[in-house]
Amino acid sequence: MLLRALILMLIWASPAMAQAKGQLEVQKSVAFFGLTFLDTSLQGSTYGSDPAERARVIMLEDMVRARFADAGYELVDLAPVAVELDRIVNPAKCYGCDSRMTTKLGADYALVGEIQKVSNLILSMNLQLRDSTTGKIVQARAVDIRSNTDESWRRGMAYILRNTFFREEEE
């Protein structure tokens, strides 16, 4: 009888515990400073920027925002640090400015990334999540992709998100 009562209590408590866990995850906030595109290719230096690549950067930024939002993270508004952010060329390499701005915004994490085009065949992308309090990297991943297409860019970022940032959710 005591065992049966204990089992029933655990069954009733499980949804409440799961809901409480979900509420904690929703309370996590992220300041996403976007993706910086670095074109070190001969094509870029010869022909200038490619509008298709800029569109791909926007596509990946939307993809990252959507994935973090779907996971319950609050994406904070960057407007309060817009002036400071406009002066920064690359938030992923600014000696901790991302963490400082994230602290000003009251967010838990800073999220930054880069895409480097070496050539039309070789591109590298990375994404890193930094704790705003300590400035330490919590999660990060870099991948190299081959070919400069919408599909290859999408697959590269999907790999980063799936295999680093949201691994537990999909297992």
C-alpha atoms as a PDB file:
ATOM      1  CA  MET A   1       0.000   0.000   0.000  1.00  0.00           C
ATOM      2  CA  LEU A   2       2.815   2.396   0.890  1.00  0.00           C
ATOM      3  CA  LEU A   3       4.627   1.511  -2.327  1.00  0.00           C
ATOM      4  CA  ARG A   4       1.478   2.151  -4.361  1.00  0.00           C
ATOM      5  CA  ALA A   5       1.020   5.584  -2.727  1.00  0.00           C
ATOM      6  CA  LEU A   6       4.653   6.453  -3.417  1.00  0.00           C
ATOM      7  CA  ILE A   7       4.322   5.470  -7.080  1.00  0.00           C
ATOM      8  CA  LEU A   8       1.146   7.561  -7.448  1.00  0.00           C
ATOM      9  CA  MET A   9       2.888  10.574  -5.880  1.00  0.00           C
ATOM     10  CA  LEU A  10       5.766  10.253  -8.325  1.00  0.00           C
ATOM     11  CA  ILE A  11       3.393   9.998 -11.280  1.00  0.00           C
ATOM     12  CA  TRP A  12       1.500  13.124 -10.193  1.00  0.00           C
ATOM     13  CA  ALA A  13       4.707  15.029  -9.464  1.00  0.00           C
ATOM     14  CA  SER A  14       6.311  14.239 -12.841  1.00  0.00           C
ATOM     15  CA  PRO A  15       4.283  16.735 -14.922  1.00  0.00           C
ATOM     16  CA  ALA A  16       4.853  19.462 -12.339  1.00  0.00           C
ATOM     17  CA  MET A  17       8.584  18.755 -12.334  1.00  0.00           C
ATOM     18  CA  ALA A  18       8.704  18.781 -16.137  1.00  0.00           C
ATOM     19  CA  GLN A  19       6.769  22.040 -16.248  1.00  0.00           C
ATOM     20  CA  ALA A  20       9.107  23.619 -13.696  1.00  0.00           C
ATOM     21  CA  LYS A  21      12.102  22.511 -15.765  1.00  0.00           C
ATOM     22  CA  GLY A  22      10.528  24.034 -18.880  1.00  0.00           C
ATOM     23  CA  GLN A  23       9.939  27.307 -17.054  1.00  0.00           C
ATOM     24  CA  LEU A  24      13.605  27.483 -16.087  1.00  0.00           C
ATOM     25  CA  GLU A  25      14.658  27.010 -19.709  1.00  0.00           C
ATOM     26  CA  VAL A  26      12.278  29.736 -20.901  1.00  0.00           C
ATOM     27  CA  GLN A  27      13.874  32.164 -18.454  1.00  0.00           C
ATOM     28  CA  LYS A  28      17.265  31.862 -20.193  1.00  0.00           C
ATOM     29  CA  SER A  29      17.955  34.798 -22.453  1.00  0.00           C
ATOM     30  CA  VAL A  30      20.359  35.217 -25.346  1.00  0.00           C
ATOM     31  CA  ALA A  31      21.797  38.316 -26.987  1.00  0.00           C
ATOM     32  CA  PHE A  32      22.429  37.185 -30.563  1.00  0.00           C
ATOM     33  CA  PHE A  33      24.852  39.578 -32.230  1.00  0.00           C
ATOM     34  CA  GLY A  34      24.528  37.948 -35.626  1.00  0.00           C
ATOM     35  CA  LEU A  35      27.011  36.342 -37.966  1.00  0.00           C
ATOM     36  CA  THR A  36      30.007  38.174 -39.377  1.00  0.00           C
ATOM     37  CA  PHE A  37      30.915  37.364 -42.976  1.00  0.00           C
ATOM     38  CA  LEU A  38      34.634  37.417 -43.728  1.00  0.00           C
ATOM     39  CA  ASP A  39      35.492  37.143 -47.415  1.00  0.00           C
ATOM     40  CA  THR A  40      39.183  36.331 -47.786  1.00  0.00           C
ATOM     41  CA  SER A  41      38.725  34.814 -51.232  1.00  0.00           C
ATOM     42  CA  LEU A  42      40.203  35.918 -54.507  1.00  0.00           C
ATOM     43  CA  GLN A  43      36.642  36.307 -55.851  1.00  0.00           C
ATOM     44  CA  GLY A  44      35.756  38.797 -53.137  1.00  0.00           C
ATOM     45  CA  SER A  45      38.884  40.883 -53.576  1.00  0.00           C
ATOM     46  CA  THR A  46      38.493  40.876 -57.367  1.00  0.00           C
ATOM     47  CA  TYR A  47      34.741  41.224 -57.883  1.00  0.00           C
ATOM     48  CA  GLY A  48      33.514  42.686 -54.608  1.00  0.00           C
ATOM     49  CA  SER A  49      30.739  41.433 -52.372  1.00  0.00           C
ATOM     50  CA  ASP A  50      28.163  38.964 -53.645  1.00  0.00           C
ATOM     51  CA  PRO A  51      24.520  39.815 -52.796  1.00  0.00           C
ATOM     52  CA  ALA A  52      23.703  36.073 -52.697  1.00  0.00           C
ATOM     53  CA  GLU A  53      26.198  35.577 -49.867  1.00  0.00           C
ATOM     54  CA  ARG A  54      24.723  38.470 -47.874  1.00  0.00           C
ATOM     55  CA  ALA A  55      21.302  36.870 -48.333  1.00  0.00           C
ATOM     56  CA  ARG A  56      22.741  33.582 -47.058  1.00  0.00           C
ATOM     57  CA  VAL A  57      24.089  35.281 -43.935  1.00  0.00           C
ATOM     58  CA  ILE A  58      20.601  36.669 -43.239  1.00  0.00           C
ATOM     59  CA  MET A  59      19.113  33.213 -43.909  1.00  0.00           C
ATOM     60  CA  LEU A  60      21.442  31.633 -41.329  1.00  0.00           C
ATOM     61  CA  GLU A  61      20.824  34.382 -38.775  1.00  0.00           C
ATOM     62  CA  ASP A  62      17.085  33.742 -39.102  1.00  0.00           C
ATOM     63  CA  MET A  63      17.745  30.007 -38.764  1.00  0.00           C
ATOM     64  CA  VAL A  64      19.763  30.483 -35.551  1.00  0.00           C
ATOM     65  CA  ARG A  65      17.178  32.845 -34.040  1.00  0.00           C
ATOM     66  CA  ALA A  66      14.340  30.449 -34.833  1.00  0.00           C
ATOM     67  CA  ARG A  67      16.163  27.433 -33.371  1.00  0.00           C
ATOM     68  CA  PHE A  68      16.998  29.202 -30.109  1.00  0.00           C
ATOM     69  CA  ALA A  69      13.457  30.577 -29.828  1.00  0.00           C
ATOM     70  CA  ASP A  70      12.019  27.103 -30.506  1.00  0.00           C
ATOM     71  CA  ALA A  71      14.170  25.775 -27.660  1.00  0.00           C
ATOM     72  CA  GLY A  72      12.615  28.304 -25.276  1.00  0.00           C
ATOM     73  CA  TYR A  73      15.326  30.938 -25.133  1.00  0.00           C
ATOM     74  CA  GLU A  74      14.309  34.574 -25.029  1.00  0.00           C
ATOM     75  CA  LEU A  75      16.172  36.562 -27.695  1.00  0.00           C
ATOM     76  CA  VAL A  76      16.776  40.001 -26.241  1.00  0.00           C
ATOM     77  CA  ASP A  77      16.433  43.261 -28.149  1.00  0.00           C
ATOM     78  CA  LEU A  78      19.831  44.735 -29.055  1.00  0.00           C
ATOM     79  CA  ALA A  79      18.530  48.306 -29.410  1.00  0.00           C
ATOM     80  CA  PRO A  80      19.981  49.500 -26.062  1.00  0.00           C
ATOM     81  CA  VAL A  81      23.514  48.694 -27.288  1.00  0.00           C
ATOM     82  CA  ALA A  82      22.988  49.579 -30.969  1.00  0.00           C
ATOM     83  CA  VAL A  83      25.420  52.531 -30.960  1.00  0.00           C
ATOM     84  CA  GLU A  84      28.165  50.434 -29.375  1.00  0.00           C
ATOM     85  CA  LEU A  85      27.437  47.495 -31.677  1.00  0.00           C
ATOM     86  CA  ASP A  86      27.643  49.702 -34.776  1.00  0.00           C
ATOM     87  CA  ARG A  87      31.259  50.548 -33.898  1.00  0.00           C
ATOM     88  CA  ILE A  88      32.265  46.872 -33.761  1.00  0.00           C
ATOM     89  CA  VAL A  89      33.402  45.150 -36.940  1.00  0.00           C
ATOM     90  CA  ASN A  90      33.194  41.606 -35.598  1.00  0.00           C
ATOM     91  CA  PRO A  91      31.438  40.845 -32.275  1.00  0.00           C
ATOM     92  CA  ALA A  92      33.013  37.374 -32.294  1.00  0.00           C
ATOM     93  CA  LYS A  93      36.491  38.926 -32.008  1.00  0.00           C
ATOM     94  CA  CYS A  94      36.184  42.058 -29.920  1.00  0.00           C
ATOM     95  CA  TYR A  95      37.991  41.088 -26.710  1.00  0.00           C
ATOM     96  CA  GLY A  96      34.863  40.385 -24.677  1.00  0.00           C
ATOM     97  CA  CYS A  97      32.711  43.277 -25.876  1.00  0.00           C
ATOM     98  CA  ASP A  98      29.923  40.759 -26.568  1.00  0.00           C
ATOM     99  CA  SER A  99      29.881  39.730 -22.901  1.00  0.00           C
ATOM    100  CA  ARG A 100      29.921  43.341 -21.725  1.00  0.00           C
ATOM    101  CA  MET A 101      27.038  44.292 -24.016  1.00  0.00           C
ATOM    102  CA  THR A 102      25.145  41.169 -22.948  1.00  0.00           C
ATOM    103  CA  THR A 103      25.515  42.179 -19.315  1.00  0.00           C
ATOM    104  CA  LYS A 104      24.139  45.653 -20.137  1.00  0.00           C
ATOM    105  CA  LEU A 105      21.186  43.974 -21.832  1.00  0.00           C
ATOM    106  CA  GLY A 106      20.559  41.723 -18.823  1.00  0.00           C
ATOM    107  CA  ALA A 107      20.861  38.547 -20.900  1.00  0.00           C
ATOM    108  CA  ASP A 108      22.320  35.263 -19.691  1.00  0.00           C
ATOM    109  CA  TYR A 109      24.324  34.487 -22.823  1.00  0.00           C
ATOM    110  CA  ALA A 110      26.036  36.171 -25.766  1.00  0.00           C
ATOM    111  CA  LEU A 111      25.766  34.337 -29.086  1.00  0.00           C
ATOM    112  CA  VAL A 112      28.150  35.230 -31.928  1.00  0.00           C
ATOM    113  CA  GLY A 113      29.315  33.591 -35.110  1.00  0.00           C
ATOM    114  CA  GLU A 114      31.442  33.939 -38.202  1.00  0.00           C
ATOM    115  CA  ILE A 115      31.404  32.670 -41.739  1.00  0.00           C
ATOM    116  CA  GLN A 116      34.691  32.825 -43.600  1.00  0.00           C
ATOM    117  CA  LYS A 117      34.852  32.363 -47.337  1.00  0.00           C
ATOM    118  CA  VAL A 118      38.254  31.099 -48.409  1.00  0.00           C
ATOM    119  CA  SER A 119      37.032  30.344 -51.929  1.00  0.00           C
ATOM    120  CA  ASN A 120      33.825  29.287 -53.654  1.00  0.00           C
ATOM    121  CA  LEU A 121      34.746  25.741 -52.690  1.00  0.00           C
ATOM    122  CA  ILE A 122      35.932  26.226 -49.101  1.00  0.00           C
ATOM    123  CA  LEU A 123      33.958  28.033 -46.398  1.00  0.00           C
ATOM    124  CA  SER A 124      34.156  27.822 -42.632  1.00  0.00           C
ATOM    125  CA  MET A 125      31.473  28.745 -40.120  1.00  0.00           C
ATOM    126  CA  ASN A 126      31.403  28.871 -36.355  1.00  0.00           C
ATOM    127  CA  LEU A 127      28.995  29.725 -33.585  1.00  0.00           C
ATOM    128  CA  GLN A 128      29.793  30.309 -29.930  1.00  0.00           C
ATOM    129  CA  LEU A 129      27.701  30.828 -26.824  1.00  0.00           C
ATOM    130  CA  ARG A 130      29.360  32.782 -24.015  1.00  0.00           C
ATOM    131  CA  ASP A 131      28.205  33.177 -20.409  1.00  0.00           C
ATOM    132  CA  SER A 132      27.640  36.883 -19.791  1.00  0.00           C
ATOM    133  CA  THR A 133      28.688  36.705 -16.144  1.00  0.00           C
ATOM    134  CA  THR A 134      31.989  34.860 -16.528  1.00  0.00           C
ATOM    135  CA  GLY A 135      32.743  35.623 -20.180  1.00  0.00           C
ATOM    136  CA  LYS A 136      33.627  31.965 -20.676  1.00  0.00           C
ATOM    137  CA  ILE A 137      32.532  30.029 -23.732  1.00  0.00           C
ATOM    138  CA  VAL A 138      29.770  27.603 -22.789  1.00  0.00           C
ATOM    139  CA  GLN A 139      29.404  25.952 -26.192  1.00  0.00           C
ATOM    140  CA  ALA A 140      31.077  26.419 -29.548  1.00  0.00           C
ATOM    141  CA  ARG A 141      31.485  24.601 -32.829  1.00  0.00           C
ATOM    142  CA  ALA A 142      33.185  25.281 -36.140  1.00  0.00           C
ATOM    143  CA  VAL A 143      32.609  23.403 -39.376  1.00  0.00           C
ATOM    144  CA  ASP A 144      34.034  23.596 -42.863  1.00  0.00           C
ATOM    145  CA  ILE A 145      31.664  23.313 -45.761  1.00  0.00           C
ATOM    146  CA  ARG A 146      32.280  22.635 -49.410  1.00  0.00           C
ATOM    147  CA  SER A 147      30.462  24.673 -52.054  1.00  0.00           C
ATOM    148  CA  ASN A 148      28.941  28.107 -51.858  1.00  0.00           C
ATOM    149  CA  THR A 149      25.203  27.412 -52.099  1.00  0.00           C
ATOM    150  CA  ASP A 150      22.120  28.013 -49.974  1.00  0.00           C
ATOM    151  CA  GLU A 151      21.907  24.296 -49.263  1.00  0.00           C
ATOM    152  CA  SER A 152      25.537  23.892 -48.167  1.00  0.00           C
ATOM    153  CA  TRP A 153      25.298  26.916 -45.860  1.00  0.00           C
ATOM    154  CA  ARG A 154      22.018  25.646 -44.346  1.00  0.00           C
ATOM    155  CA  ARG A 155      23.441  22.168 -43.818  1.00  0.00           C
ATOM    156  CA  GLY A 156      26.556  23.548 -42.145  1.00  0.00           C
ATOM    157  CA  MET A 157      24.606  25.634 -39.633  1.00  0.00           C
ATOM    158  CA  ALA A 158      22.075  22.855 -39.064  1.00  0.00           C
ATOM    159  CA  TYR A 159      24.981  20.563 -38.186  1.00  0.00           C
ATOM    160  CA  ILE A 160      26.348  23.079 -35.669  1.00  0.00           C
ATOM    161  CA  LEU A 161      22.958  23.577 -34.020  1.00  0.00           C
ATOM    162  CA  ARG A 162      22.015  19.897 -33.983  1.00  0.00           C
ATOM    163  CA  ASN A 163      25.349  18.472 -32.819  1.00  0.00           C
ATOM    164  CA  THR A 164      26.473  21.091 -30.330  1.00  0.00           C
ATOM    165  CA  PHE A 165      23.808  23.426 -29.023  1.00  0.00           C
ATOM    166  CA  PHE A 166      20.721  21.207 -28.971  1.00  0.00           C
ATOM    167  CA  ARG A 167      22.172  17.697 -28.711  1.00  0.00           C
ATOM    168  CA  GLU A 168      20.201  16.569 -25.625  1.00  0.00           C
ATOM    169  CA  GLU A 169      16.857  17.651 -27.037  1.00  0.00           C
ATOM    170  CA  GLU A 170      17.130  15.443 -30.100  1.00  0.00           C
ATOM    171  CA  GLU A 171      18.535  12.298 -28.492  1.00  0.00           C
END
